[in-house]
Amino acid sequence: MDIGVIIRIMKVKNRFWVMKNLPEGNNFQNALEIREESELKIPEGFFATKNLFLSMDAGTRMYMTDRKDSYQPPIPIGEKLMGTVLGEIVESNHPDYRVGERLRSYGQWSDFSVVNPNLMYPSKVDDSEIDLVNYIGIFGANGWTAYTGVINTGKVKAGDTFVVSAAAGCTGLMAGQIAKISGCKVIGIAGTDSKCKL
């Protein structure tokens, strides 16, 4: 991959997770490994963030396989794991992103991420009115998926009956809440009695 001309090297202790082999079932202990590097290379047009939060979404498990039919390509063995991160810019080689700004983006499971804004969809966040972690929670991928499904695709309206499967999961739980505050009667489906009690 051509990452451009490297202009800045940041000396820093950076711990990061890699997938050393495919997990078997739910055994991640033998599949994941933490490694360390002593510098970050920040090409022109990129920036580096100190990660404050990492969203370990359920969808991550799908691309920790060798499947090729997913919306996300498989993680190559030995590569840094990726996911949604919330971080603060600590070094910038991009005119539109300044040191000290906080943002949500796709990044590495690591202390620091090198971000290509053309590929990693960064969005600046403001924590002056809401807790920062909400940007990877309710305002993260699962929240947007639930909102889009209920409001834009489902076009629910007050008085509708809304049935949601996987109602105890992150997206299903939020979809049910969005439908409820929209005035719907909500019926949730979940796999166990304890999940149904939520």
Protein backbone atom coordinates (compact mmCIF):
# COMPACT_ATOMS: atom_id res chain seq x y z
CA MET A 1 0.00 0.00 0.00
CA ASP A 2 1.37 3.40 -0.94
CA ILE A 3 1.07 5.60 2.14
CA GLY A 4 2.79 8.65 0.69
CA VAL A 5 5.92 10.48 1.73
CA ILE A 6 6.78 9.92 5.38
CA ILE A 7 7.44 13.31 6.94
CA ARG A 8 7.09 12.76 10.67
CA ILE A 9 8.28 10.02 12.99
CA MET A 10 6.85 10.07 16.49
CA LYS A 11 8.89 8.31 19.18
CA VAL A 12 6.44 6.69 21.54
CA LYS A 13 5.76 3.40 23.31
CA ASN A 14 2.81 1.95 21.44
CA ARG A 15 1.21 -1.31 22.52
CA PHE A 16 -1.06 -2.91 19.93
CA TRP A 17 -3.07 -6.08 19.44
CA VAL A 18 -2.55 -8.48 16.54
CA MET A 19 -4.29 -11.66 15.51
CA LYS A 20 -1.55 -14.29 15.54
CA ASN A 21 -3.90 -17.03 14.29
CA LEU A 22 -7.61 -17.59 13.74
CA PRO A 23 -9.64 -18.05 16.93
CA GLU A 24 -11.25 -21.44 17.48
CA GLY A 25 -14.80 -20.88 18.68
CA ASN A 26 -14.68 -18.37 21.53
CA ASN A 27 -11.05 -19.08 22.43
CA PHE A 28 -9.38 -15.74 21.79
CA GLN A 29 -6.59 -16.25 24.31
CA ASN A 30 -4.50 -18.25 21.83
CA ALA A 31 -5.48 -16.11 18.83
CA LEU A 32 -4.60 -12.61 20.02
CA GLU A 33 -1.29 -11.17 21.12
CA ILE A 34 -0.16 -7.79 22.38
CA ARG A 35 3.01 -6.36 20.84
CA GLU A 36 4.94 -3.14 21.17
CA GLU A 37 6.63 -0.65 18.87
CA SER A 38 8.75 2.41 19.64
CA GLU A 39 7.76 4.79 16.84
CA LEU A 40 4.87 5.81 14.63
CA LYS A 41 5.32 6.86 11.01
CA ILE A 42 2.91 9.64 10.11
CA PRO A 43 2.76 10.25 6.34
CA GLU A 44 1.76 13.55 4.81
CA GLY A 45 -2.02 13.92 5.02
CA PHE A 46 -2.30 11.61 8.06
CA PHE A 47 -2.42 12.25 11.81
CA ALA A 48 -1.87 10.27 15.03
CA THR A 49 -4.28 9.93 17.93
CA LYS A 50 -3.85 8.77 21.49
CA ASN A 51 -6.74 6.35 21.85
CA LEU A 52 -8.99 7.03 24.84
CA PHE A 53 -11.66 4.43 24.08
CA LEU A 54 -11.98 1.41 21.80
CA SER A 55 -15.27 -0.09 20.68
CA MET A 56 -15.07 -3.88 20.62
CA ASP A 57 -18.17 -4.45 18.51
CA ALA A 58 -19.75 -7.84 17.94
CA GLY A 59 -19.15 -7.47 14.20
CA THR A 60 -15.41 -7.63 14.84
CA ARG A 61 -15.74 -11.38 15.38
CA MET A 62 -16.96 -11.79 11.80
CA TYR A 63 -13.75 -10.53 10.28
CA MET A 64 -11.59 -12.53 12.68
CA THR A 65 -12.22 -15.47 10.33
CA ASP A 66 -11.06 -16.40 6.86
CA ARG A 67 -14.52 -15.63 5.40
CA LYS A 68 -14.52 -13.59 2.22
CA ASP A 69 -18.29 -12.93 2.06
CA SER A 70 -18.47 -10.33 4.85
CA TYR A 71 -18.92 -6.57 4.56
CA GLN A 72 -15.41 -6.31 6.04
CA PRO A 73 -12.41 -8.21 4.66
CA PRO A 74 -10.69 -10.69 7.01
CA ILE A 75 -7.97 -9.36 9.29
CA PRO A 76 -4.61 -10.59 7.95
CA ILE A 77 -2.65 -12.72 10.41
CA GLY A 78 -0.02 -10.58 12.13
CA GLU A 79 -1.69 -7.25 11.31
CA LYS A 80 -2.92 -4.78 13.90
CA LEU A 81 -6.54 -5.30 14.86
CA MET A 82 -8.87 -2.50 13.78
CA GLY A 83 -12.07 -1.01 15.10
CA THR A 84 -13.80 2.19 16.07
CA VAL A 85 -11.67 4.30 18.39
CA LEU A 86 -12.14 7.58 20.17
CA GLY A 87 -8.95 9.55 20.50
CA GLU A 88 -7.18 12.85 20.83
CA ILE A 89 -4.84 14.06 18.09
CA VAL A 90 -1.25 14.12 19.39
CA GLU A 91 0.58 14.68 16.08
CA SER A 92 -0.82 15.96 12.80
CA ASN A 93 0.49 16.03 9.28
CA HIS A 94 -2.85 17.23 7.89
CA PRO A 95 -4.02 20.87 7.68
CA ASP A 96 -7.63 20.11 8.70
CA TYR A 97 -6.83 18.15 11.87
CA ARG A 98 -5.12 19.89 14.80
CA VAL A 99 -3.33 18.59 17.89
CA GLY A 100 -5.74 18.47 20.83
CA GLU A 101 -8.89 17.80 18.79
CA ARG A 102 -10.89 14.76 19.78
CA LEU A 103 -12.51 12.50 17.25
CA ARG A 104 -14.02 9.15 16.48
CA SER A 105 -12.56 7.14 13.63
CA TYR A 106 -11.63 3.72 12.45
CA GLY A 107 -8.27 2.94 14.01
CA GLN A 108 -5.94 0.36 15.45
CA TRP A 109 -6.46 -1.53 18.71
CA SER A 110 -3.51 0.25 20.26
CA ASP A 111 -2.38 3.04 22.54
CA PHE A 112 -1.97 5.26 19.45
CA SER A 113 -3.50 5.10 15.97
CA VAL A 114 -2.18 6.49 12.70
CA VAL A 115 -5.23 7.76 10.81
CA ASN A 116 -5.70 8.26 7.08
CA PRO A 117 -8.74 10.56 7.00
CA ASN A 118 -9.57 9.50 3.44
CA LEU A 119 -10.07 5.86 4.49
CA MET A 120 -10.84 5.87 8.22
CA TYR A 121 -13.86 8.19 8.41
CA PRO A 122 -12.84 10.47 11.28
CA SER A 123 -15.46 12.76 12.79
CA LYS A 124 -14.66 15.40 15.36
CA VAL A 125 -16.52 15.12 18.66
CA ASP A 126 -17.52 17.62 21.32
CA ASP A 127 -17.66 16.44 24.92
CA SER A 128 -18.84 19.77 26.37
CA GLU A 129 -22.46 18.57 26.65
CA ILE A 130 -22.39 14.77 26.54
CA ASP A 131 -20.05 12.12 27.88
CA LEU A 132 -17.35 11.37 25.33
CA VAL A 133 -17.88 7.60 25.46
CA ASN A 134 -21.37 8.04 23.98
CA TYR A 135 -19.73 8.68 20.60
CA ILE A 136 -18.81 5.00 20.39
CA GLY A 137 -21.90 3.87 22.28
CA ILE A 138 -25.30 5.27 21.43
CA PHE A 139 -23.87 7.62 18.77
CA GLY A 140 -21.59 4.90 17.38
CA ALA A 141 -22.16 2.29 14.67
CA ASN A 142 -24.83 0.36 16.59
CA GLY A 143 -26.81 3.49 17.41
CA TRP A 144 -26.73 4.72 13.81
CA THR A 145 -27.69 1.25 12.56
CA ALA A 146 -30.67 1.14 14.93
CA TYR A 147 -31.77 4.69 14.10
CA THR A 148 -31.47 4.19 10.34
CA GLY A 149 -33.31 0.88 10.48
CA VAL A 150 -36.19 2.14 12.60
CA ILE A 151 -36.64 5.69 11.30
CA ASN A 152 -35.35 5.75 7.71
CA THR A 153 -36.04 2.19 6.56
CA GLY A 154 -38.89 1.13 8.87
CA LYS A 155 -40.53 4.57 8.83
CA VAL A 156 -42.29 3.81 12.14
CA LYS A 157 -45.03 6.04 13.45
CA ALA A 158 -46.97 6.30 16.68
CA GLY A 159 -49.40 3.41 17.09
CA ASP A 160 -47.36 0.92 15.03
CA THR A 161 -46.42 -2.46 16.47
CA PHE A 162 -42.66 -2.89 16.20
CA VAL A 163 -41.02 -6.33 16.51
CA VAL A 164 -37.27 -6.50 16.99
CA SER A 165 -35.17 -9.67 17.01
CA ALA A 166 -31.95 -9.88 19.04
CA ALA A 167 -33.61 -7.32 21.31
CA ALA A 168 -31.03 -7.81 24.09
CA GLY A 169 -28.10 -7.02 21.80
CA CYS A 170 -26.69 -3.54 21.43
CA THR A 171 -28.39 -2.64 18.14
CA GLY A 172 -31.66 -4.43 18.95
CA LEU A 173 -31.89 -2.80 22.37
CA MET A 174 -31.46 0.66 20.88
CA ALA A 175 -33.89 -0.08 18.03
CA GLY A 176 -36.53 -1.04 20.58
CA GLN A 177 -35.95 2.16 22.57
CA ILE A 178 -36.13 4.33 19.44
CA ALA A 179 -39.40 2.66 18.41
CA LYS A 180 -40.80 3.07 21.94
CA ILE A 181 -40.09 6.81 22.11
CA SER A 182 -41.61 7.08 18.62
CA GLY A 183 -44.90 5.86 20.11
CA CYS A 184 -44.82 2.23 18.98
CA LYS A 185 -45.88 -0.88 20.85
CA VAL A 186 -42.57 -2.80 21.00
CA ILE A 187 -42.20 -6.59 21.06
CA GLY A 188 -38.66 -7.83 21.62
CA ILE A 189 -37.37 -11.30 20.77
CA ALA A 190 -34.32 -12.70 22.57
CA GLY A 191 -32.73 -16.12 22.97
CA THR A 192 -32.94 -16.71 26.74
CA ASP A 193 -35.22 -15.87 29.67
CA SER A 194 -32.52 -13.71 31.26
CA LYS A 195 -32.18 -11.69 28.04
CA CYS A 196 -35.96 -11.28 27.85
CA LYS A 197 -35.97 -9.75 31.35
CA LEU A 198 -33.95 -6.80 30.07
